[in-house]
Amino acid sequence: MSIDSRDRRIIEILKKDSRTSFVDIAKQLNLSEGAVRKRVKKLIDSGIIRRF
């Protein structure tokens, strides 16, 4: 699985504060909350994110 710059940014945000809401991440990345939720699920399912 390949990750793009938005996925990397999501990972960076969650590394800094794993309690950051999907809404806050979405605002920072100019994405919808649903898009962030799908990206995080994809990262978890692929094993890139194990826990947060």
PDB file of N, CA and C in Angstrom:
ATOM      1  N   MET A   1       0.835  -1.181   0.000  1.00  0.00           N
ATOM      2  CA  MET A   1       0.000   0.000   0.000  1.00  0.00           C
ATOM      3  C   MET A   1       0.878   1.241   0.000  1.00  0.00           C
ATOM      4  N   SER A   2       0.532   2.189  -0.807  1.00  0.00           N
ATOM      5  CA  SER A   2       1.294   3.436  -0.820  1.00  0.00           C
ATOM      6  C   SER A   2       0.504   4.513  -0.084  1.00  0.00           C
ATOM      7  N   ILE A   3       1.244   5.412   0.544  1.00  0.00           N
ATOM      8  CA  ILE A   3       0.594   6.514   1.249  1.00  0.00           C
ATOM      9  C   ILE A   3       1.010   7.826   0.600  1.00  0.00           C
ATOM     10  N   ASP A   4       0.104   8.785   0.636  1.00  0.00           N
ATOM     11  CA  ASP A   4       0.399  10.079   0.030  1.00  0.00           C
ATOM     12  C   ASP A   4       0.705  11.112   1.112  1.00  0.00           C
ATOM     13  N   SER A   5       0.878  12.338   0.695  1.00  0.00           N
ATOM     14  CA  SER A   5       1.269  13.394   1.633  1.00  0.00           C
ATOM     15  C   SER A   5       0.191  13.651   2.685  1.00  0.00           C
ATOM     16  N   ARG A   6      -1.061  13.495   2.321  1.00  0.00           N
ATOM     17  CA  ARG A   6      -2.135  13.689   3.307  1.00  0.00           C
ATOM     18  C   ARG A   6      -2.107  12.590   4.360  1.00  0.00           C
ATOM     19  N   ASP A   7      -1.863  11.343   3.927  1.00  0.00           N
ATOM     20  CA  ASP A   7      -1.741  10.248   4.892  1.00  0.00           C
ATOM     21  C   ASP A   7      -0.573  10.511   5.839  1.00  0.00           C
ATOM     22  N   ARG A   8       0.539  10.966   5.291  1.00  0.00           N
ATOM     23  CA  ARG A   8       1.707  11.273   6.129  1.00  0.00           C
ATOM     24  C   ARG A   8       1.382  12.363   7.139  1.00  0.00           C
ATOM     25  N   ARG A   9       0.646  13.366   6.689  1.00  0.00           N
ATOM     26  CA  ARG A   9       0.272  14.478   7.578  1.00  0.00           C
ATOM     27  C   ARG A   9      -0.663  13.985   8.688  1.00  0.00           C
ATOM     28  N   ILE A  10      -1.598  13.102   8.353  1.00  0.00           N
ATOM     29  CA  ILE A  10      -2.479  12.517   9.367  1.00  0.00           C
ATOM     30  C   ILE A  10      -1.648  11.784  10.409  1.00  0.00           C
ATOM     31  N   ILE A  11      -0.676  11.013   9.956  1.00  0.00           N
ATOM     32  CA  ILE A  11       0.194  10.277  10.877  1.00  0.00           C
ATOM     33  C   ILE A  11       0.958  11.247  11.771  1.00  0.00           C
ATOM     34  N   GLU A  12       1.496  12.316  11.200  1.00  0.00           N
ATOM     35  CA  GLU A  12       2.225  13.323  11.989  1.00  0.00           C
ATOM     36  C   GLU A  12       1.333  13.943  13.055  1.00  0.00           C
ATOM     37  N   ILE A  13       0.118  14.298  12.673  1.00  0.00           N
ATOM     38  CA  ILE A  13      -0.816  14.922  13.617  1.00  0.00           C
ATOM     39  C   ILE A  13      -1.129  13.955  14.756  1.00  0.00           C
ATOM     40  N   LEU A  14      -1.394  12.698  14.418  1.00  0.00           N
ATOM     41  CA  LEU A  14      -1.726  11.717  15.448  1.00  0.00           C
ATOM     42  C   LEU A  14      -0.520  11.377  16.317  1.00  0.00           C
ATOM     43  N   LYS A  15       0.691  11.451  15.765  1.00  0.00           N
ATOM     44  CA  LYS A  15       1.894  11.222  16.574  1.00  0.00           C
ATOM     45  C   LYS A  15       2.062  12.318  17.617  1.00  0.00           C
ATOM     46  N   LYS A  16       1.753  13.558  17.221  1.00  0.00           N
ATOM     47  CA  LYS A  16       1.873  14.679  18.158  1.00  0.00           C
ATOM     48  C   LYS A  16       0.822  14.602  19.251  1.00  0.00           C
ATOM     49  N   ASP A  17      -0.407  14.265  18.869  1.00  0.00           N
ATOM     50  CA  ASP A  17      -1.501  14.168  19.834  1.00  0.00           C
ATOM     51  C   ASP A  17      -2.519  13.166  19.311  1.00  0.00           C
ATOM     52  N   SER A  18      -2.471  11.968  19.847  1.00  0.00           N
ATOM     53  CA  SER A  18      -3.343  10.903  19.356  1.00  0.00           C
ATOM     54  C   SER A  18      -4.815  11.143  19.680  1.00  0.00           C
ATOM     55  N   ARG A  19      -5.091  12.137  20.500  1.00  0.00           N
ATOM     56  CA  ARG A  19      -6.479  12.436  20.852  1.00  0.00           C
ATOM     57  C   ARG A  19      -7.097  13.501  19.940  1.00  0.00           C
ATOM     58  N   THR A  20      -6.369  13.941  18.938  1.00  0.00           N
ATOM     59  CA  THR A  20      -6.899  14.928  17.993  1.00  0.00           C
ATOM     60  C   THR A  20      -8.108  14.335  17.276  1.00  0.00           C
ATOM     61  N   SER A  21      -9.188  15.079  17.238  1.00  0.00           N
ATOM     62  CA  SER A  21     -10.415  14.573  16.613  1.00  0.00           C
ATOM     63  C   SER A  21     -10.283  14.564  15.091  1.00  0.00           C
ATOM     64  N   PHE A  22     -11.095  13.723  14.473  1.00  0.00           N
ATOM     65  CA  PHE A  22     -11.116  13.676  13.014  1.00  0.00           C
ATOM     66  C   PHE A  22     -11.553  15.020  12.443  1.00  0.00           C
ATOM     67  N   VAL A  23     -12.429  15.713  13.139  1.00  0.00           N
ATOM     68  CA  VAL A  23     -12.884  17.038  12.688  1.00  0.00           C
ATOM     69  C   VAL A  23     -11.711  18.014  12.660  1.00  0.00           C
ATOM     70  N   ASP A  24     -10.892  18.016  13.717  1.00  0.00           N
ATOM     71  CA  ASP A  24      -9.738  18.919  13.764  1.00  0.00           C
ATOM     72  C   ASP A  24      -8.707  18.571  12.689  1.00  0.00           C
ATOM     73  N   ILE A  25      -8.481  17.286  12.484  1.00  0.00           N
ATOM     74  CA  ILE A  25      -7.552  16.864  11.430  1.00  0.00           C
ATOM     75  C   ILE A  25      -8.090  17.313  10.070  1.00  0.00           C
ATOM     76  N   ALA A  26      -9.382  17.120   9.863  1.00  0.00           N
ATOM     77  CA  ALA A  26     -10.008  17.505   8.591  1.00  0.00           C
ATOM     78  C   ALA A  26      -9.839  18.993   8.322  1.00  0.00           C
ATOM     79  N   LYS A  27     -10.005  19.810   9.349  1.00  0.00           N
ATOM     80  CA  LYS A  27      -9.841  21.256   9.179  1.00  0.00           C
ATOM     81  C   LYS A  27      -8.407  21.603   8.793  1.00  0.00           C
ATOM     82  N   GLN A  28      -7.445  20.936   9.417  1.00  0.00           N
ATOM     83  CA  GLN A  28      -6.039  21.215   9.123  1.00  0.00           C
ATOM     84  C   GLN A  28      -5.664  20.815   7.701  1.00  0.00           C
ATOM     85  N   LEU A  29      -6.308  19.787   7.177  1.00  0.00           N
ATOM     86  CA  LEU A  29      -5.952  19.257   5.856  1.00  0.00           C
ATOM     87  C   LEU A  29      -6.923  19.673   4.750  1.00  0.00           C
ATOM     88  N   ASN A  30      -7.924  20.465   5.106  1.00  0.00           N
ATOM     89  CA  ASN A  30      -8.960  20.853   4.140  1.00  0.00           C
ATOM     90  C   ASN A  30      -9.635  19.642   3.505  1.00  0.00           C
ATOM     91  N   LEU A  31      -9.965  18.669   4.342  1.00  0.00           N
ATOM     92  CA  LEU A  31     -10.697  17.476   3.922  1.00  0.00           C
ATOM     93  C   LEU A  31     -11.985  17.389   4.725  1.00  0.00           C
ATOM     94  N   SER A  32     -12.878  16.509   4.318  1.00  0.00           N
ATOM     95  CA  SER A  32     -14.076  16.259   5.116  1.00  0.00           C
ATOM     96  C   SER A  32     -13.724  15.293   6.244  1.00  0.00           C
ATOM     97  N   GLU A  33     -14.561  15.302   7.278  1.00  0.00           N
ATOM     98  CA  GLU A  33     -14.339  14.368   8.385  1.00  0.00           C
ATOM     99  C   GLU A  33     -14.409  12.929   7.882  1.00  0.00           C
ATOM    100  N   GLY A  34     -15.349  12.657   6.989  1.00  0.00           N
ATOM    101  CA  GLY A  34     -15.491  11.311   6.441  1.00  0.00           C
ATOM    102  C   GLY A  34     -14.250  10.849   5.698  1.00  0.00           C
ATOM    103  N   ALA A  35     -13.629  11.758   4.960  1.00  0.00           N
ATOM    104  CA  ALA A  35     -12.405  11.415   4.226  1.00  0.00           C
ATOM    105  C   ALA A  35     -11.278  11.074   5.194  1.00  0.00           C
ATOM    106  N   VAL A  36     -11.170  11.843   6.270  1.00  0.00           N
ATOM    107  CA  VAL A  36     -10.132  11.569   7.274  1.00  0.00           C
ATOM    108  C   VAL A  36     -10.407  10.222   7.932  1.00  0.00           C
ATOM    109  N   ARG A  37     -11.662   9.978   8.288  1.00  0.00           N
ATOM    110  CA  ARG A  37     -12.041   8.710   8.926  1.00  0.00           C
ATOM    111  C   ARG A  37     -11.668   7.520   8.024  1.00  0.00           C
ATOM    112  N   LYS A  38     -11.966   7.629   6.719  1.00  0.00           N
ATOM    113  CA  LYS A  38     -11.641   6.553   5.775  1.00  0.00           C
ATOM    114  C   LYS A  38     -10.133   6.357   5.655  1.00  0.00           C
ATOM    115  N   ARG A  39      -9.396   7.464   5.614  1.00  0.00           N
ATOM    116  CA  ARG A  39      -7.938   7.371   5.502  1.00  0.00           C
ATOM    117  C   ARG A  39      -7.333   6.717   6.743  1.00  0.00           C
ATOM    118  N   VAL A  40      -7.819   7.095   7.921  1.00  0.00           N
ATOM    119  CA  VAL A  40      -7.297   6.500   9.155  1.00  0.00           C
ATOM    120  C   VAL A  40      -7.632   5.011   9.185  1.00  0.00           C
ATOM    121  N   LYS A  41      -8.849   4.646   8.804  1.00  0.00           N
ATOM    122  CA  LYS A  41      -9.222   3.228   8.767  1.00  0.00           C
ATOM    123  C   LYS A  41      -8.322   2.460   7.805  1.00  0.00           C
ATOM    124  N   LYS A  42      -8.044   3.054   6.643  1.00  0.00           N
ATOM    125  CA  LYS A  42      -7.166   2.415   5.652  1.00  0.00           C
ATOM    126  C   LYS A  42      -5.767   2.208   6.236  1.00  0.00           C
ATOM    127  N   LEU A  43      -5.269   3.218   6.956  1.00  0.00           N
ATOM    128  CA  LEU A  43      -3.941   3.121   7.561  1.00  0.00           C
ATOM    129  C   LEU A  43      -3.912   2.065   8.663  1.00  0.00           C
ATOM    130  N   ILE A  44      -4.999   1.941   9.413  1.00  0.00           N
ATOM    131  CA  ILE A  44      -5.083   0.918  10.460  1.00  0.00           C
ATOM    132  C   ILE A  44      -5.170  -0.468   9.828  1.00  0.00           C
ATOM    133  N   ASP A  45      -6.062  -0.635   8.854  1.00  0.00           N
ATOM    134  CA  ASP A  45      -6.256  -1.936   8.202  1.00  0.00           C
ATOM    135  C   ASP A  45      -4.986  -2.437   7.523  1.00  0.00           C
ATOM    136  N   SER A  46      -4.173  -1.520   7.016  1.00  0.00           N
ATOM    137  CA  SER A  46      -2.940  -1.916   6.330  1.00  0.00           C
ATOM    138  C   SER A  46      -1.779  -2.129   7.299  1.00  0.00           C
ATOM    139  N   GLY A  47      -1.981  -1.803   8.578  1.00  0.00           N
ATOM    140  CA  GLY A  47      -0.939  -2.011   9.579  1.00  0.00           C
ATOM    141  C   GLY A  47       0.029  -0.855   9.730  1.00  0.00           C
ATOM    142  N   ILE A  48      -0.176   0.218   9.000  1.00  0.00           N
ATOM    143  CA  ILE A  48       0.711   1.377   9.113  1.00  0.00           C
ATOM    144  C   ILE A  48       0.495   2.058  10.459  1.00  0.00           C
ATOM    145  N   ILE A  49      -0.766   2.164  10.876  1.00  0.00           N
ATOM    146  CA  ILE A  49      -1.088   2.633  12.228  1.00  0.00           C
ATOM    147  C   ILE A  49      -1.540   1.408  13.011  1.00  0.00           C
ATOM    148  N   ARG A  50      -0.889   1.153  14.134  1.00  0.00           N
ATOM    149  CA  ARG A  50      -1.269   0.004  14.953  1.00  0.00           C
ATOM    150  C   ARG A  50      -2.222   0.391  16.064  1.00  0.00           C
ATOM    151  N   ARG A  51      -1.963   1.543  16.651  1.00  0.00           N
ATOM    152  CA  ARG A  51      -2.840   2.044  17.710  1.00  0.00           C
ATOM    153  C   ARG A  51      -2.564   3.522  17.901  1.00  0.00           C
ATOM    154  N   PHE A  52      -3.531   4.196  18.456  1.00  0.00           N
ATOM    155  CA  PHE A  52      -3.354   5.613  18.751  1.00  0.00           C
ATOM    156  C   PHE A  52      -4.319   6.013  19.822  1.00  0.00           C
TER     157      PHE A  52
END
